[in-house]
Amino acid sequence: MKIFTCLAIAAAFTASAIAAPKTILVDAQLVELATNKDSLPKDLSKITERKGVDVLTFPRQKTPSGRVAKFSATREVTVPRKGAFEVGVVLTVRPALADDGRIRYSVDADATTFEGFFTPSSSQAPIFKTVRAVGIEGEAEIGKPVVLVLSKWQDEQTIVESGKPNRTALIHRRVIAILTFSQAGISAKHP
């Protein structure tokens, strides 16, 4: 009788281990990048060391295959007599281990910025802008970074140089996510 009990317990543990989804490690680097060119730099491997880069967050999270991992780079903006509002980037990633050993992913992102106040207005009504990217899907090799442009805009910047007349330059700004997937317990290879 004890042998049957031990076999039943062993079978239950084996079945639960087989049924348990594989765990995926997600590295999500959220970055705001400003460049003079409309295209992204070709080499993003050392992006945090570049001029014009603000690293918003660089978290790492484990999630079961097919489940959601949420990343947030937000802060509160307080508007007098209106309250506190959250601005920044919220990234939702759903990675799943494919049969061929690759990772299939789906990404949603919300990037909210505070734009200022309506004028003329005595009520000081705030203006917020939200850019949504929904259902970005793809496939990646384990350990190879995936670069996603979440939002993109341009603005003019005045360049002041000693002894030269002021000039304006068009600056291309983007919020990008650099995602790297690996199986938990297996280290990701970074190029």
Protein backbone atom coordinates (compact mmCIF):
# COMPACT_ATOMS: atom_id res chain seq x y z
CA MET A 1 0.00 0.00 0.00
CA LYS A 2 2.87 2.38 0.85
CA ILE A 3 4.41 1.75 -2.59
CA PHE A 4 1.16 2.81 -4.31
CA THR A 5 0.97 5.96 -2.18
CA CYS A 6 4.59 6.85 -3.01
CA LEU A 7 3.98 6.20 -6.71
CA ALA A 8 0.84 8.36 -6.65
CA ILE A 9 2.70 11.24 -4.98
CA ALA A 10 5.61 10.92 -7.45
CA ALA A 11 3.16 10.89 -10.37
CA ALA A 12 1.42 14.02 -9.02
CA PHE A 13 4.75 15.89 -8.71
CA THR A 14 5.80 14.80 -12.21
CA ALA A 15 2.46 15.87 -13.71
CA SER A 16 2.59 19.27 -12.02
CA ALA A 17 6.18 19.82 -13.22
CA ILE A 18 5.23 18.93 -16.78
CA ALA A 19 2.11 21.12 -16.70
CA ALA A 20 3.91 24.11 -15.18
CA PRO A 21 4.72 26.70 -17.82
CA LYS A 22 8.34 27.56 -18.49
CA THR A 23 9.51 30.78 -16.87
CA ILE A 24 10.84 33.58 -19.07
CA LEU A 25 13.16 36.33 -17.87
CA VAL A 26 12.38 39.69 -19.49
CA ASP A 27 14.87 42.58 -19.45
CA ALA A 28 13.06 45.77 -20.50
CA GLN A 29 15.18 48.85 -21.00
CA LEU A 30 12.96 51.94 -21.49
CA VAL A 31 14.88 54.87 -22.98
CA GLU A 32 14.13 58.36 -24.27
CA LEU A 33 16.48 59.14 -27.17
CA ALA A 34 17.13 62.50 -28.87
CA THR A 35 19.05 62.59 -32.18
CA ASN A 36 19.61 64.96 -35.10
CA LYS A 37 18.66 62.20 -37.57
CA ASP A 38 15.29 60.66 -38.30
CA SER A 39 16.71 57.12 -38.12
CA LEU A 40 17.80 55.20 -35.05
CA PRO A 41 21.54 54.74 -34.48
CA LYS A 42 22.75 51.43 -35.95
CA ASP A 43 24.53 50.32 -32.78
CA LEU A 44 22.31 50.39 -29.70
CA SER A 45 24.48 48.08 -27.59
CA LYS A 46 25.85 50.92 -25.43
CA ILE A 47 22.86 53.23 -25.69
CA THR A 48 23.00 54.33 -22.06
CA GLU A 49 26.41 55.92 -22.69
CA ARG A 50 25.23 58.05 -25.64
CA LYS A 51 24.66 61.79 -25.49
CA GLY A 52 20.96 62.69 -25.64
CA VAL A 53 19.78 59.52 -23.87
CA ASP A 54 17.68 59.35 -20.72
CA VAL A 55 17.26 55.86 -19.27
CA LEU A 56 13.76 55.79 -17.86
CA THR A 57 14.05 52.33 -16.30
CA PHE A 58 15.92 49.06 -16.76
CA PRO A 59 13.97 46.40 -14.83
CA ARG A 60 14.15 42.62 -15.03
CA GLN A 61 11.15 40.44 -14.35
CA LYS A 62 10.36 36.71 -14.43
CA THR A 63 7.02 35.59 -15.80
CA PRO A 64 5.52 32.23 -16.77
CA SER A 65 5.35 31.65 -20.52
CA GLY A 66 2.17 33.27 -21.89
CA ARG A 67 1.62 35.51 -18.85
CA VAL A 68 1.89 39.29 -18.63
CA ALA A 69 4.91 41.17 -17.28
CA LYS A 70 4.29 44.88 -16.57
CA PHE A 71 6.99 47.54 -16.52
CA SER A 72 6.48 51.13 -15.43
CA ALA A 73 8.58 54.28 -15.68
CA THR A 74 6.15 56.84 -14.28
CA ARG A 75 6.06 59.76 -11.90
CA GLU A 76 3.37 61.96 -10.42
CA VAL A 77 2.75 65.49 -11.62
CA THR A 78 0.81 67.63 -9.15
CA VAL A 79 -1.43 70.32 -10.61
CA PRO A 80 -2.63 72.89 -8.04
CA ARG A 81 -6.35 72.52 -7.25
CA LYS A 82 -6.60 69.61 -9.74
CA GLY A 83 -4.74 66.80 -8.00
CA ALA A 84 -1.93 64.42 -8.91
CA PHE A 85 -1.61 62.77 -12.32
CA GLU A 86 0.68 59.96 -13.41
CA VAL A 87 2.90 60.56 -16.46
CA GLY A 88 5.48 58.32 -18.09
CA VAL A 89 5.55 54.95 -19.81
CA VAL A 90 3.74 51.73 -18.90
CA LEU A 91 4.78 48.66 -20.88
CA THR A 92 2.87 45.38 -20.89
CA VAL A 93 4.77 42.40 -22.34
CA ARG A 94 3.37 38.91 -22.90
CA PRO A 95 6.22 36.53 -23.87
CA ALA A 96 5.60 32.89 -24.77
CA LEU A 97 8.11 30.16 -25.45
CA ALA A 98 7.62 28.84 -29.00
CA ASP A 99 8.17 25.23 -30.05
CA ASP A 100 11.34 26.15 -31.95
CA GLY A 101 13.00 27.60 -28.82
CA ARG A 102 12.30 31.18 -29.83
CA ILE A 103 10.13 33.69 -27.93
CA ARG A 104 6.89 35.03 -29.37
CA TYR A 105 5.84 38.30 -27.79
CA SER A 106 3.00 40.79 -27.70
CA VAL A 107 3.55 44.31 -26.37
CA ASP A 108 1.21 47.15 -25.41
CA ALA A 109 2.50 50.55 -24.31
CA ASP A 110 1.06 53.80 -22.97
CA ALA A 111 3.27 56.90 -22.96
CA THR A 112 1.66 59.90 -21.19
CA THR A 113 3.22 63.36 -21.07
CA PHE A 114 2.20 66.61 -19.40
CA GLU A 115 1.94 69.26 -22.15
CA GLY A 116 1.08 72.35 -20.08
CA PHE A 117 -2.14 74.28 -19.45
CA PHE A 118 -5.01 75.52 -21.61
CA THR A 119 -4.71 79.27 -22.18
CA PRO A 120 -6.34 81.69 -21.70
CA SER A 121 -7.97 80.02 -18.75
CA SER A 122 -8.34 81.01 -15.16
CA SER A 123 -9.03 77.39 -14.21
CA GLN A 124 -5.49 76.19 -15.06
CA ALA A 125 -6.84 73.09 -16.83
CA PRO A 126 -3.91 70.71 -17.52
CA ILE A 127 -3.20 69.18 -20.93
CA PHE A 128 -1.98 65.59 -21.11
CA LYS A 129 -1.07 63.62 -24.21
CA THR A 130 -1.15 59.82 -24.32
CA VAL A 131 0.32 57.78 -27.17
CA ARG A 132 -0.77 54.14 -27.24
CA ALA A 133 0.88 51.29 -29.06
CA VAL A 134 -1.31 48.19 -28.90
CA GLY A 135 -0.68 44.69 -30.16
CA ILE A 136 2.94 44.96 -31.28
CA GLU A 137 3.75 41.34 -32.01
CA GLY A 138 6.88 39.55 -33.07
CA GLU A 139 9.30 36.76 -32.52
CA ALA A 140 12.81 36.90 -31.08
CA GLU A 141 15.77 34.64 -30.53
CA ILE A 142 16.57 34.00 -26.91
CA GLY A 143 19.18 36.50 -25.75
CA LYS A 144 18.96 38.80 -28.82
CA PRO A 145 17.62 42.32 -28.12
CA VAL A 146 14.43 43.55 -29.77
CA VAL A 147 14.09 47.32 -30.31
CA LEU A 148 10.57 48.82 -30.37
CA VAL A 149 9.82 52.50 -31.00
CA LEU A 150 6.88 53.29 -28.69
CA SER A 151 6.43 56.98 -29.53
CA LYS A 152 8.14 59.50 -31.77
CA TRP A 153 8.01 63.30 -32.08
CA GLN A 154 10.08 66.25 -33.26
CA ASP A 155 10.84 69.66 -31.87
CA GLU A 156 13.11 72.56 -32.68
CA GLN A 157 16.04 73.47 -30.51
CA THR A 158 17.94 76.76 -30.58
CA ILE A 159 21.68 76.25 -30.76
CA VAL A 160 23.76 79.00 -29.19
CA GLU A 161 27.49 79.03 -29.98
CA SER A 162 29.91 81.72 -28.90
CA GLY A 163 30.80 84.06 -31.77
CA LYS A 164 28.20 82.55 -34.13
CA PRO A 165 24.61 83.53 -34.86
CA ASN A 166 21.94 81.44 -33.14
CA ARG A 167 20.45 78.70 -35.31
CA THR A 168 17.68 76.18 -34.95
CA ALA A 169 17.96 72.44 -35.41
CA LEU A 170 15.28 69.79 -35.71
CA ILE A 171 15.58 67.22 -32.91
CA HIS A 172 14.02 63.76 -33.33
CA ARG A 173 12.85 62.30 -30.03
CA ARG A 174 11.68 58.76 -29.33
CA VAL A 175 10.72 56.56 -26.45
CA ILE A 176 12.06 53.11 -27.20
CA ALA A 177 11.96 49.75 -25.46
CA ILE A 178 14.84 47.33 -25.78
CA LEU A 179 13.58 43.88 -24.76
CA THR A 180 15.77 40.85 -24.18
CA PHE A 181 14.20 37.47 -23.39
CA SER A 182 15.80 34.43 -21.82
CA GLN A 183 14.60 31.31 -20.08
CA ALA A 184 14.87 31.66 -16.32
CA GLY A 185 17.99 29.85 -15.20
CA ILE A 186 19.66 30.33 -18.60
CA SER A 187 21.61 33.56 -18.94
CA ALA A 188 20.87 35.82 -21.89
CA LYS A 189 23.68 36.45 -24.35
CA HIS A 190 24.15 40.15 -24.95
CA PRO A 191 26.00 41.04 -28.16
